[in-house]
Amino acid sequence: MAQKQIQRITRDILISEILTINPGKSRILTEMLLDFGIHCVGCGASSFETLGQGVLGHGFSEQQLDKLISDLNKVINEELEPESKTEVDQEITAEIFSLKLTEQAIKKVKEVIKKRGKKNVTLRVSVIPGGCSGYLYDLQFKDQPSKDDLNFKQDGINIAVDKKSTDMLHGMEIEYIDTLNESGFKFNNPNAEHGCGCGKSFG
């Protein structure tokens, strides 16, 4: 089980790399950074700015930086028990899990599926680290469903949800907006504590 300490967070690590050290804990790491006041975790600067530069550049002290690094490393190096519990909690059945598309979203998804010209096209919904609020909604059309996802149907549409994202997507409604000012999928997520104006990033 030594893989848990392969890499430590230091002041010289790029902010974007922090979430890749332990993907299973990316959510709590993002929340810790946001709560601390480092909101660039999901912006372009995170790919070239180190943690030390981000913290000190935002007016925090060396002592506060050291405390943040210590707290982040404690989370990364925690034993498997917390993650194992999360994995159990993620065994949510399609009957329990709730995610739905509005009428307009269903219409748009069916248009896309029809253009692909294949029978088993699946709309896959997941959450990935990124965006200005910490997380991004990710929609993809897959030619075949995956057994590793939570699979169900709505109005004849095959929908797959990344099991690792179910706790952040449970109860969400996906709608499709098409107006003069904007167009695209919108996400109404009761689990989001905050979001950005683009409607695709949340935390």
Protein backbone atom coordinates (compact mmCIF):
# COMPACT_ATOMS: atom_id res chain seq x y z
CA MET A 1 0.00 0.00 0.00
CA ALA A 2 3.02 2.29 -0.40
CA GLN A 3 1.42 4.03 -3.37
CA LYS A 4 -0.30 6.38 -0.91
CA GLN A 5 2.99 8.17 -0.26
CA ILE A 6 4.59 8.12 -3.69
CA GLN A 7 4.33 11.89 -3.93
CA ARG A 8 4.02 14.61 -1.32
CA ILE A 9 2.59 18.05 -1.82
CA THR A 10 5.24 20.73 -1.57
CA ARG A 11 5.26 24.47 -2.13
CA ASP A 12 6.80 23.87 -5.57
CA ILE A 13 4.06 21.60 -6.94
CA LEU A 14 1.83 23.05 -9.64
CA ILE A 15 -1.67 23.70 -8.34
CA SER A 16 -3.20 21.62 -11.15
CA GLU A 17 -1.07 18.62 -10.16
CA ILE A 18 -2.40 18.50 -6.61
CA LEU A 19 -5.67 16.88 -7.74
CA THR A 20 -3.85 14.21 -9.76
CA ILE A 21 -1.82 12.81 -6.85
CA ASN A 22 -4.86 11.05 -5.42
CA PRO A 23 -7.83 11.29 -7.85
CA GLY A 24 -10.09 9.56 -5.34
CA LYS A 25 -9.68 12.50 -2.99
CA SER A 26 -9.77 15.28 -5.59
CA ARG A 27 -13.06 16.57 -4.25
CA ILE A 28 -11.91 17.10 -0.68
CA LEU A 29 -8.58 18.53 -1.88
CA THR A 30 -10.43 21.02 -4.08
CA GLU A 31 -12.71 22.00 -1.20
CA MET A 32 -9.71 22.53 1.07
CA LEU A 33 -8.04 24.82 -1.46
CA LEU A 34 -11.24 26.77 -2.09
CA ASP A 35 -11.96 27.13 1.62
CA PHE A 36 -8.42 28.34 2.18
CA GLY A 37 -8.90 31.01 -0.49
CA ILE A 38 -7.09 29.53 -3.48
CA HIS A 39 -9.78 29.80 -6.15
CA CYS A 40 -7.34 29.42 -9.06
CA VAL A 41 -7.46 25.64 -8.61
CA GLY A 42 -9.63 25.40 -11.72
CA CYS A 43 -8.40 28.33 -13.81
CA GLY A 44 -5.65 28.52 -16.42
CA ALA A 45 -3.08 29.80 -13.93
CA SER A 46 -3.16 26.47 -12.09
CA SER A 47 -1.17 24.83 -14.89
CA PHE A 48 1.89 27.07 -14.44
CA GLU A 49 1.56 28.54 -10.94
CA THR A 50 2.97 26.63 -7.99
CA LEU A 51 1.13 26.26 -4.70
CA GLY A 52 3.66 28.51 -3.02
CA GLN A 53 3.24 31.22 -5.66
CA GLY A 54 -0.54 31.01 -5.46
CA VAL A 55 -0.71 31.18 -1.67
CA LEU A 56 1.91 33.88 -1.14
CA GLY A 57 0.71 35.79 -4.19
CA HIS A 58 -2.74 36.05 -2.61
CA GLY A 59 -1.34 37.67 0.51
CA PHE A 60 -1.08 34.67 2.81
CA SER A 61 1.90 34.15 5.10
CA GLU A 62 4.62 31.51 5.09
CA GLN A 63 3.08 30.00 8.22
CA GLN A 64 -0.31 29.71 6.54
CA LEU A 65 1.32 28.09 3.51
CA ASP A 66 3.09 25.53 5.71
CA LYS A 67 -0.16 24.74 7.53
CA LEU A 68 -2.05 24.25 4.23
CA ILE A 69 0.68 21.94 2.87
CA SER A 70 0.59 19.90 6.08
CA ASP A 71 -3.21 19.57 5.98
CA LEU A 72 -3.24 18.57 2.30
CA ASN A 73 -0.60 15.89 2.86
CA LYS A 74 -2.54 14.50 5.83
CA VAL A 75 -5.57 13.98 3.58
CA ILE A 76 -3.53 12.39 0.79
CA ASN A 77 -1.75 10.00 3.16
CA GLU A 78 -4.82 8.89 5.06
CA GLU A 79 -5.36 5.16 5.14
CA LEU A 80 -7.87 3.42 2.89
CA GLU A 81 -10.75 3.21 5.36
CA PRO A 82 -12.37 6.55 4.39
CA GLU A 83 -12.05 5.76 0.67
CA SER A 84 -13.34 2.22 1.13
CA LYS A 85 -16.46 3.61 2.78
CA THR A 86 -16.90 5.99 -0.13
CA GLU A 87 -16.66 3.12 -2.58
CA VAL A 88 -19.39 1.27 -0.68
CA ASP A 89 -21.56 4.35 -0.64
CA GLN A 90 -21.13 4.65 -4.40
CA GLU A 91 -22.83 1.30 -5.00
CA ILE A 92 -26.04 3.11 -5.87
CA THR A 93 -28.59 1.30 -8.00
CA ALA A 94 -30.39 2.89 -10.92
CA GLU A 95 -33.61 2.63 -8.92
CA ILE A 96 -32.21 4.79 -6.12
CA PHE A 97 -30.15 7.22 -8.19
CA SER A 98 -31.96 10.24 -9.58
CA LEU A 99 -30.86 12.22 -12.62
CA LYS A 100 -33.21 13.41 -15.31
CA LEU A 101 -33.23 15.36 -18.55
CA THR A 102 -35.85 17.97 -19.34
CA GLU A 103 -37.99 17.68 -22.46
CA GLN A 104 -35.73 20.04 -24.42
CA ALA A 105 -32.60 18.20 -23.31
CA ILE A 106 -34.10 14.87 -24.39
CA LYS A 107 -34.93 16.35 -27.79
CA LYS A 108 -31.38 17.65 -28.25
CA VAL A 109 -29.75 14.38 -27.15
CA LYS A 110 -31.92 12.40 -29.57
CA GLU A 111 -30.89 14.76 -32.40
CA VAL A 112 -27.22 14.10 -31.66
CA ILE A 113 -27.74 10.35 -31.38
CA LYS A 114 -29.60 10.29 -34.68
CA LYS A 115 -26.71 12.06 -36.41
CA ARG A 116 -24.26 9.47 -35.10
CA GLY A 117 -26.27 6.77 -36.87
CA LYS A 118 -25.62 4.05 -34.31
CA LYS A 119 -28.06 2.08 -32.17
CA ASN A 120 -26.39 1.80 -28.77
CA VAL A 121 -25.21 5.38 -28.30
CA THR A 122 -25.04 6.28 -24.61
CA LEU A 123 -24.98 9.71 -23.00
CA ARG A 124 -22.32 9.52 -20.29
CA VAL A 125 -22.42 12.03 -17.44
CA SER A 126 -19.53 12.55 -15.06
CA VAL A 127 -17.72 15.11 -12.95
CA ILE A 128 -14.06 16.03 -13.46
CA PRO A 129 -11.78 18.42 -11.56
CA GLY A 130 -11.49 21.81 -13.24
CA GLY A 131 -13.35 25.01 -13.99
CA CYS A 132 -13.33 28.19 -11.97
CA SER A 133 -15.38 26.64 -9.13
CA GLY A 134 -13.48 23.37 -8.72
CA TYR A 135 -15.44 20.84 -10.79
CA LEU A 136 -16.77 20.54 -14.32
CA TYR A 137 -19.72 18.59 -15.67
CA ASP A 138 -18.61 16.30 -18.48
CA LEU A 139 -21.07 15.03 -21.11
CA GLN A 140 -19.89 12.51 -23.69
CA PHE A 141 -21.60 10.32 -26.24
CA LYS A 142 -20.29 6.76 -26.16
CA ASP A 143 -20.94 4.11 -28.82
CA GLN A 144 -21.21 1.40 -26.17
CA PRO A 145 -22.23 1.52 -22.50
CA SER A 146 -19.69 0.57 -19.86
CA LYS A 147 -20.37 -2.00 -17.14
CA ASP A 148 -18.36 0.16 -14.75
CA ASP A 149 -20.95 2.96 -14.98
CA LEU A 150 -24.43 3.26 -13.54
CA ASN A 151 -26.65 2.61 -16.56
CA PHE A 152 -30.34 3.40 -16.98
CA LYS A 153 -32.78 4.76 -19.57
CA GLN A 154 -34.95 7.84 -19.88
CA ASP A 155 -37.42 8.19 -22.71
CA GLY A 156 -35.50 5.61 -24.75
CA ILE A 157 -32.11 7.27 -24.19
CA ASN A 158 -29.27 5.20 -22.75
CA ILE A 159 -27.72 7.19 -19.89
CA ALA A 160 -24.55 6.24 -18.04
CA VAL A 161 -23.25 7.97 -14.92
CA ASP A 162 -19.72 7.60 -13.62
CA LYS A 163 -20.12 5.76 -10.30
CA LYS A 164 -17.45 7.94 -8.70
CA SER A 165 -19.59 10.98 -9.50
CA THR A 166 -22.96 9.73 -8.25
CA ASP A 167 -22.75 11.52 -4.90
CA MET A 168 -22.26 14.84 -6.72
CA LEU A 169 -24.91 14.22 -9.39
CA HIS A 170 -27.76 12.61 -7.45
CA GLY A 171 -30.96 14.62 -7.94
CA MET A 172 -29.58 16.72 -10.81
CA GLU A 173 -31.66 17.97 -13.72
CA ILE A 174 -30.08 18.60 -17.12
CA GLU A 175 -31.82 21.05 -19.40
CA TYR A 176 -31.02 22.45 -22.82
CA ILE A 177 -31.22 26.18 -23.53
CA ASP A 178 -31.36 27.61 -27.04
CA THR A 179 -31.89 31.37 -27.13
CA LEU A 180 -30.37 34.37 -28.89
CA ASN A 181 -28.08 34.96 -25.92
CA GLU A 182 -26.97 31.42 -25.14
CA SER A 183 -27.30 27.80 -26.08
CA GLY A 184 -26.17 24.56 -24.53
CA PHE A 185 -26.82 22.18 -21.68
CA LYS A 186 -27.49 23.62 -18.24
CA PHE A 187 -27.16 21.75 -14.97
CA ASN A 188 -29.49 22.25 -12.02
CA ASN A 189 -27.63 20.48 -9.25
CA PRO A 190 -28.96 20.48 -5.65
CA ASN A 191 -25.54 19.27 -4.44
CA ALA A 192 -23.66 22.33 -5.69
CA GLU A 193 -22.79 24.78 -2.93
CA HIS A 194 -21.64 27.39 -5.42
CA GLY A 195 -21.11 27.72 -9.17
CA CYS A 196 -19.87 30.07 -11.85
CA GLY A 197 -21.71 32.09 -14.45
CA CYS A 198 -20.97 29.61 -17.22
CA GLY A 199 -23.24 27.05 -15.55
CA LYS A 200 -20.77 24.24 -16.24
CA SER A 201 -18.54 24.58 -13.18
CA PHE A 202 -19.52 24.06 -9.56
CA GLY A 203 -18.15 23.39 -6.14
